[in-house]
PDB file of N, CA and C in Angstrom:
ATOM      1  N   MET A   1       0.836  -1.191   0.000  1.00  0.00           N
ATOM      2  CA  MET A   1       0.000   0.000   0.000  1.00  0.00           C
ATOM      3  C   MET A   1       0.872   1.243   0.000  1.00  0.00           C
ATOM      4  N   ASN A   2       0.314   2.256  -0.594  1.00  0.00           N
ATOM      5  CA  ASN A   2       1.088   3.490  -0.570  1.00  0.00           C
ATOM      6  C   ASN A   2       0.453   4.489   0.398  1.00  0.00           C
ATOM      7  N   ILE A   3       1.150   5.550   0.629  1.00  0.00           N
ATOM      8  CA  ILE A   3       0.745   6.537   1.628  1.00  0.00           C
ATOM      9  C   ILE A   3      -0.542   7.242   1.219  1.00  0.00           C
ATOM     10  N   GLU A   4      -0.714   7.479  -0.057  1.00  0.00           N
ATOM     11  CA  GLU A   4      -1.910   8.177  -0.529  1.00  0.00           C
ATOM     12  C   GLU A   4      -3.182   7.372  -0.230  1.00  0.00           C
ATOM     13  N   ASP A   5      -3.145   6.082  -0.430  1.00  0.00           N
ATOM     14  CA  ASP A   5      -4.310   5.235  -0.127  1.00  0.00           C
ATOM     15  C   ASP A   5      -4.616   5.240   1.373  1.00  0.00           C
ATOM     16  N   ASP A   6      -3.565   5.154   2.184  1.00  0.00           N
ATOM     17  CA  ASP A   6      -3.753   5.199   3.638  1.00  0.00           C
ATOM     18  C   ASP A   6      -4.367   6.528   4.076  1.00  0.00           C
ATOM     19  N   PHE A   7      -3.862   7.598   3.495  1.00  0.00           N
ATOM     20  CA  PHE A   7      -4.391   8.917   3.837  1.00  0.00           C
ATOM     21  C   PHE A   7      -5.856   9.032   3.429  1.00  0.00           C
ATOM     22  N   ASN A   8      -6.198   8.594   2.242  1.00  0.00           N
ATOM     23  CA  ASN A   8      -7.587   8.669   1.773  1.00  0.00           C
ATOM     24  C   ASN A   8      -8.521   7.867   2.669  1.00  0.00           C
ATOM     25  N   LYS A   9      -8.096   6.689   3.094  1.00  0.00           N
ATOM     26  CA  LYS A   9      -8.914   5.882   4.000  1.00  0.00           C
ATOM     27  C   LYS A   9      -9.102   6.600   5.339  1.00  0.00           C
ATOM     28  N   PHE A  10      -8.010   7.141   5.851  1.00  0.00           N
ATOM     29  CA  PHE A  10      -8.086   7.867   7.116  1.00  0.00           C
ATOM     30  C   PHE A  10      -9.009   9.077   6.978  1.00  0.00           C
ATOM     31  N   TYR A  11      -8.883   9.816   5.887  1.00  0.00           N
ATOM     32  CA  TYR A  11      -9.681  11.024   5.675  1.00  0.00           C
ATOM     33  C   TYR A  11     -11.165  10.684   5.584  1.00  0.00           C
ATOM     34  N   ILE A  12     -11.512   9.662   4.870  1.00  0.00           N
ATOM     35  CA  ILE A  12     -12.915   9.238   4.749  1.00  0.00           C
ATOM     36  C   ILE A  12     -13.449   8.797   6.105  1.00  0.00           C
ATOM     37  N   LYS A  13     -12.660   8.049   6.850  1.00  0.00           N
ATOM     38  CA  LYS A  13     -13.067   7.610   8.181  1.00  0.00           C
ATOM     39  C   LYS A  13     -13.249   8.814   9.106  1.00  0.00           C
ATOM     40  N   PHE A  14     -12.323   9.761   9.026  1.00  0.00           N
ATOM     41  CA  PHE A  14     -12.416  10.972   9.844  1.00  0.00           C
ATOM     42  C   PHE A  14     -13.691  11.736   9.530  1.00  0.00           C
ATOM     43  N   LEU A  15     -13.999  11.929   8.254  1.00  0.00           N
ATOM     44  CA  LEU A  15     -15.205  12.660   7.865  1.00  0.00           C
ATOM     45  C   LEU A  15     -16.457  11.944   8.346  1.00  0.00           C
ATOM     46  N   ASN A  16     -16.501  10.629   8.216  1.00  0.00           N
ATOM     47  CA  ASN A  16     -17.678   9.879   8.652  1.00  0.00           C
ATOM     48  C   ASN A  16     -17.880   9.971  10.162  1.00  0.00           C
ATOM     49  N   GLU A  17     -16.804   9.877  10.922  1.00  0.00           N
ATOM     50  CA  GLU A  17     -16.915   9.911  12.374  1.00  0.00           C
ATOM     51  C   GLU A  17     -17.241  11.304  12.908  1.00  0.00           C
ATOM     52  N   ASN A  18     -16.813  12.334  12.213  1.00  0.00           N
ATOM     53  CA  ASN A  18     -16.961  13.702  12.713  1.00  0.00           C
ATOM     54  C   ASN A  18     -17.975  14.529  11.927  1.00  0.00           C
ATOM     55  N   LYS A  19     -18.834  13.878  11.178  1.00  0.00           N
ATOM     56  CA  LYS A  19     -19.791  14.599  10.337  1.00  0.00           C
ATOM     57  C   LYS A  19     -20.695  15.505  11.167  1.00  0.00           C
ATOM     58  N   ASN A  20     -21.218  15.006  12.281  1.00  0.00           N
ATOM     59  CA  ASN A  20     -22.108  15.812  13.112  1.00  0.00           C
ATOM     60  C   ASN A  20     -21.399  17.045  13.667  1.00  0.00           C
ATOM     61  N   THR A  21     -20.194  16.863  14.130  1.00  0.00           N
ATOM     62  CA  THR A  21     -19.433  17.981  14.682  1.00  0.00           C
ATOM     63  C   THR A  21     -19.134  19.017  13.600  1.00  0.00           C
ATOM     64  N   LEU A  22     -18.746  18.553  12.424  1.00  0.00           N
ATOM     65  CA  LEU A  22     -18.459  19.480  11.331  1.00  0.00           C
ATOM     66  C   LEU A  22     -19.709  20.225  10.893  1.00  0.00           C
ATOM     67  N   ASP A  23     -20.858  19.537  10.896  1.00  0.00           N
ATOM     68  CA  ASP A  23     -22.110  20.196  10.554  1.00  0.00           C
ATOM     69  C   ASP A  23     -22.486  21.259  11.581  1.00  0.00           C
ATOM     70  N   GLU A  24     -22.248  20.964  12.861  1.00  0.00           N
ATOM     71  CA  GLU A  24     -22.518  21.945  13.910  1.00  0.00           C
ATOM     72  C   GLU A  24     -21.631  23.181  13.745  1.00  0.00           C
ATOM     73  N   PHE A  25     -20.357  22.969  13.454  1.00  0.00           N
ATOM     74  CA  PHE A  25     -19.445  24.095  13.232  1.00  0.00           C
ATOM     75  C   PHE A  25     -19.895  24.943  12.050  1.00  0.00           C
ATOM     76  N   GLU A  26     -20.317  24.311  10.995  1.00  0.00           N
ATOM     77  CA  GLU A  26     -20.761  25.047   9.813  1.00  0.00           C
ATOM     78  C   GLU A  26     -22.021  25.848  10.123  1.00  0.00           C
ATOM     79  N   LEU A  27     -22.948  25.276  10.869  1.00  0.00           N
ATOM     80  CA  LEU A  27     -24.162  25.981  11.249  1.00  0.00           C
ATOM     81  C   LEU A  27     -23.837  27.176  12.140  1.00  0.00           C
ATOM     82  N   LYS A  28     -22.942  26.982  13.105  1.00  0.00           N
ATOM     83  CA  LYS A  28     -22.541  28.088  13.975  1.00  0.00           C
ATOM     84  C   LYS A  28     -21.847  29.191  13.188  1.00  0.00           C
ATOM     85  N   ARG A  29     -21.039  28.812  12.204  1.00  0.00           N
ATOM     86  CA  ARG A  29     -20.350  29.804  11.372  1.00  0.00           C
ATOM     87  C   ARG A  29     -21.350  30.630  10.581  1.00  0.00           C
ATOM     88  N   LYS A  30     -22.340  29.970   9.995  1.00  0.00           N
ATOM     89  CA  LYS A  30     -23.357  30.692   9.220  1.00  0.00           C
ATOM     90  C   LYS A  30     -24.184  31.607  10.111  1.00  0.00           C
ATOM     91  N   ASN A  31     -24.519  31.142  11.317  1.00  0.00           N
ATOM     92  CA  ASN A  31     -25.270  31.978  12.247  1.00  0.00           C
ATOM     93  C   ASN A  31     -24.463  33.198  12.675  1.00  0.00           C
ATOM     94  N   ALA A  32     -23.167  33.020  12.882  1.00  0.00           N
ATOM     95  CA  ALA A  32     -22.311  34.142  13.272  1.00  0.00           C
ATOM     96  C   ALA A  32     -22.226  35.169  12.156  1.00  0.00           C
ATOM     97  N   ILE A  33     -22.148  34.719  10.924  1.00  0.00           N
ATOM     98  CA  ILE A  33     -22.109  35.642   9.784  1.00  0.00           C
ATOM     99  C   ILE A  33     -23.412  36.422   9.694  1.00  0.00           C
ATOM    100  N   ALA A  34     -24.543  35.740   9.852  1.00  0.00           N
ATOM    101  CA  ALA A  34     -25.845  36.401   9.788  1.00  0.00           C
ATOM    102  C   ALA A  34     -25.983  37.429  10.913  1.00  0.00           C
ATOM    103  N   GLU A  35     -25.529  37.078  12.108  1.00  0.00           N
ATOM    104  CA  GLU A  35     -25.609  38.005  13.238  1.00  0.00           C
ATOM    105  C   GLU A  35     -24.719  39.226  13.012  1.00  0.00           C
ATOM    106  N   ARG A  36     -23.542  39.011  12.470  1.00  0.00           N
ATOM    107  CA  ARG A  36     -22.639  40.120  12.182  1.00  0.00           C
ATOM    108  C   ARG A  36     -23.255  41.065  11.154  1.00  0.00           C
ATOM    109  N   ASN A  37     -23.917  40.513  10.138  1.00  0.00           N
ATOM    110  CA  ASN A  37     -24.564  41.351   9.129  1.00  0.00           C
ATOM    111  C   ASN A  37     -25.719  42.152   9.733  1.00  0.00           C
ATOM    112  N   ARG A  38     -26.504  41.522  10.617  1.00  0.00           N
ATOM    113  CA  ARG A  38     -27.584  42.252  11.296  1.00  0.00           C
ATOM    114  C   ARG A  38     -27.018  43.386  12.142  1.00  0.00           C
ATOM    115  N   ASN A  39     -25.928  43.124  12.838  1.00  0.00           N
ATOM    116  CA  ASN A  39     -25.313  44.165  13.665  1.00  0.00           C
ATOM    117  C   ASN A  39     -24.805  45.327  12.820  1.00  0.00           C
ATOM    118  N   LYS A  40     -24.248  45.030  11.658  1.00  0.00           N
ATOM    119  CA  LYS A  40     -23.777  46.091  10.774  1.00  0.00           C
ATOM    120  C   LYS A  40     -24.937  46.964  10.319  1.00  0.00           C
ATOM    121  N   ILE A  41     -26.065  46.353   9.997  1.00  0.00           N
ATOM    122  CA  ILE A  41     -27.234  47.115   9.551  1.00  0.00           C
ATOM    123  C   ILE A  41     -27.760  47.985  10.685  1.00  0.00           C
ATOM    124  N   ILE A  42     -27.823  47.438  11.894  1.00  0.00           N
ATOM    125  CA  ILE A  42     -28.300  48.211  13.044  1.00  0.00           C
ATOM    126  C   ILE A  42     -27.385  49.399  13.314  1.00  0.00           C
ATOM    127  N   ILE A  43     -26.094  49.185  13.246  1.00  0.00           N
ATOM    128  CA  ILE A  43     -25.137  50.277  13.466  1.00  0.00           C
ATOM    129  C   ILE A  43     -25.278  51.340  12.384  1.00  0.00           C
ATOM    130  N   PHE A  44     -25.438  50.931  11.135  1.00  0.00           N
ATOM    131  CA  PHE A  44     -25.585  51.889  10.036  1.00  0.00           C
ATOM    132  C   PHE A  44     -26.840  52.737  10.220  1.00  0.00           C
ATOM    133  N   ILE A  45     -27.959  52.107  10.561  1.00  0.00           N
ATOM    134  CA  ILE A  45     -29.202  52.853  10.766  1.00  0.00           C
ATOM    135  C   ILE A  45     -29.065  53.799  11.952  1.00  0.00           C
ATOM    136  N   SER A  46     -28.410  53.364  13.012  1.00  0.00           N
ATOM    137  CA  SER A  46     -28.194  54.224  14.181  1.00  0.00           C
ATOM    138  C   SER A  46     -27.351  55.442  13.816  1.00  0.00           C
ATOM    139  N   GLU A  47     -26.318  55.237  13.020  1.00  0.00           N
ATOM    140  CA  GLU A  47     -25.478  56.361  12.599  1.00  0.00           C
ATOM    141  C   GLU A  47     -26.267  57.367  11.774  1.00  0.00           C
ATOM    142  N   ILE A  48     -27.113  56.885  10.889  1.00  0.00           N
ATOM    143  CA  ILE A  48     -27.931  57.787  10.076  1.00  0.00           C
ATOM    144  C   ILE A  48     -28.878  58.583  10.960  1.00  0.00           C
ATOM    145  N   ILE A  49     -29.513  57.931  11.931  1.00  0.00           N
ATOM    146  CA  ILE A  49     -30.444  58.624  12.831  1.00  0.00           C
ATOM    147  C   ILE A  49     -29.714  59.678  13.648  1.00  0.00           C
ATOM    148  N   ILE A  50     -28.540  59.345  14.156  1.00  0.00           N
ATOM    149  CA  ILE A  50     -27.766  60.315  14.937  1.00  0.00           C
ATOM    150  C   ILE A  50     -27.368  61.500  14.072  1.00  0.00           C
ATOM    151  N   LEU A  51     -26.943  61.251  12.847  1.00  0.00           N
ATOM    152  CA  LEU A  51     -26.569  62.338  11.946  1.00  0.00           C
ATOM    153  C   LEU A  51     -27.758  63.247  11.664  1.00  0.00           C
ATOM    154  N   ILE A  52     -28.912  62.663  11.430  1.00  0.00           N
ATOM    155  CA  ILE A  52     -30.109  63.467  11.178  1.00  0.00           C
ATOM    156  C   ILE A  52     -30.460  64.304  12.407  1.00  0.00           C
ATOM    157  N   LEU A  53     -30.365  63.715  13.600  1.00  0.00           N
ATOM    158  CA  LEU A  53     -30.652  64.469  14.818  1.00  0.00           C
ATOM    159  C   LEU A  53     -29.681  65.633  15.015  1.00  0.00           C
ATOM    160  N   VAL A  54     -28.419  65.389  14.773  1.00  0.00           N
ATOM    161  CA  VAL A  54     -27.417  66.446  14.931  1.00  0.00           C
ATOM    162  C   VAL A  54     -27.682  67.579  13.941  1.00  0.00           C
ATOM    163  N   LEU A  55     -27.961  67.226  12.701  1.00  0.00           N
ATOM    164  CA  LEU A  55     -28.255  68.266  11.705  1.00  0.00           C
ATOM    165  C   LEU A  55     -29.521  69.029  12.066  1.00  0.00           C
ATOM    166  N   TYR A  56     -30.519  68.348  12.567  1.00  0.00           N
ATOM    167  CA  TYR A  56     -31.764  69.001  12.965  1.00  0.00           C
ATOM    168  C   TYR A  56     -31.524  69.960  14.127  1.00  0.00           C
ATOM    169  N   ILE A  57     -30.764  69.532  15.120  1.00  0.00           N
ATOM    170  CA  ILE A  57     -30.495  70.388  16.280  1.00  0.00           C
ATOM    171  C   ILE A  57     -29.701  71.612  15.871  1.00  0.00           C
ATOM    172  N   ILE A  58     -28.744  71.444  15.000  1.00  0.00           N
ATOM    173  CA  ILE A  58     -27.933  72.582  14.549  1.00  0.00           C
ATOM    174  C   ILE A  58     -28.806  73.577  13.796  1.00  0.00           C
ATOM    175  N   THR A  59     -29.648  73.085  12.901  1.00  0.00           N
ATOM    176  CA  THR A  59     -30.499  74.008  12.130  1.00  0.00           C
ATOM    177  C   THR A  59     -31.612  74.570  13.012  1.00  0.00           C
ATOM    178  N   LEU A  60     -32.037  73.866  14.035  1.00  0.00           N
ATOM    179  CA  LEU A  60     -33.089  74.345  14.923  1.00  0.00           C
ATOM    180  C   LEU A  60     -32.645  75.597  15.672  1.00  0.00           C
ATOM    181  N   TYR A  61     -31.430  75.602  16.130  1.00  0.00           N
ATOM    182  CA  TYR A  61     -30.925  76.751  16.879  1.00  0.00           C
ATOM    183  C   TYR A  61     -30.345  77.831  15.972  1.00  0.00           C
ATOM    184  N   GLY A  62     -30.259  77.604  14.698  1.00  0.00           N
ATOM    185  CA  GLY A  62     -29.829  78.623  13.750  1.00  0.00           C
ATOM    186  C   GLY A  62     -28.398  79.068  13.922  1.00  0.00           C
ATOM    187  N   GLN A  63     -27.600  78.274  14.564  1.00  0.00           N
ATOM    188  CA  GLN A  63     -26.213  78.660  14.787  1.00  0.00           C
ATOM    189  C   GLN A  63     -25.291  77.887  13.850  1.00  0.00           C
ATOM    190  N   THR A  64     -25.644  77.838  12.628  1.00  0.00           N
ATOM    191  CA  THR A  64     -24.807  77.099  11.685  1.00  0.00           C
ATOM    192  C   THR A  64     -23.665  77.984  11.216  1.00  0.00           C
ATOM    193  N   ASN A  65     -22.513  77.412  11.180  1.00  0.00           N
ATOM    194  CA  ASN A  65     -21.373  78.079  10.581  1.00  0.00           C
ATOM    195  C   ASN A  65     -20.522  76.994   9.922  1.00  0.00           C
ATOM    196  N   ASN A  66     -19.536  77.399   9.208  1.00  0.00           N
ATOM    197  CA  ASN A  66     -18.737  76.452   8.442  1.00  0.00           C
ATOM    198  C   ASN A  66     -17.986  75.455   9.320  1.00  0.00           C
ATOM    199  N   GLU A  67     -17.559  75.868  10.509  1.00  0.00           N
ATOM    200  CA  GLU A  67     -16.833  74.965  11.396  1.00  0.00           C
ATOM    201  C   GLU A  67     -17.713  73.823  11.881  1.00  0.00           C
ATOM    202  N   GLN A  68     -18.950  74.111  12.231  1.00  0.00           N
ATOM    203  CA  GLN A  68     -19.854  73.054  12.698  1.00  0.00           C
ATOM    204  C   GLN A  68     -20.156  72.065  11.575  1.00  0.00           C
ATOM    205  N   ILE A  69     -20.423  72.590  10.415  1.00  0.00           N
ATOM    206  CA  ILE A  69     -20.730  71.724   9.286  1.00  0.00           C
ATOM    207  C   ILE A  69     -19.517  70.869   8.909  1.00  0.00           C
ATOM    208  N   ALA A  70     -18.339  71.447   8.947  1.00  0.00           N
ATOM    209  CA  ALA A  70     -17.134  70.688   8.624  1.00  0.00           C
ATOM    210  C   ALA A  70     -16.868  69.611   9.668  1.00  0.00           C
ATOM    211  N   THR A  71     -17.182  69.894  10.921  1.00  0.00           N
ATOM    212  CA  THR A  71     -17.000  68.909  11.974  1.00  0.00           C
ATOM    213  C   THR A  71     -17.902  67.706  11.764  1.00  0.00           C
ATOM    214  N   ILE A  72     -19.115  67.972  11.356  1.00  0.00           N
ATOM    215  CA  ILE A  72     -20.058  66.865  11.116  1.00  0.00           C
ATOM    216  C   ILE A  72     -19.606  66.063   9.940  1.00  0.00           C
TER     217      ILE A  72
END
């Protein structure tokens, strides 16, 4: 027998024995990606709301000048 055949047998046996564990890892990985994407969307929407509030407050008090606008 050669090493390649031994490795292939070992690899197939490893996959069969650990299929459930590998499936769990893959499911957890996909869930983590989905959660990260949801968090990015929530952060983006929060940033937009904060920016709108800041612009509204600045225009509400009528104290707009170039420095404030540049800071934003």
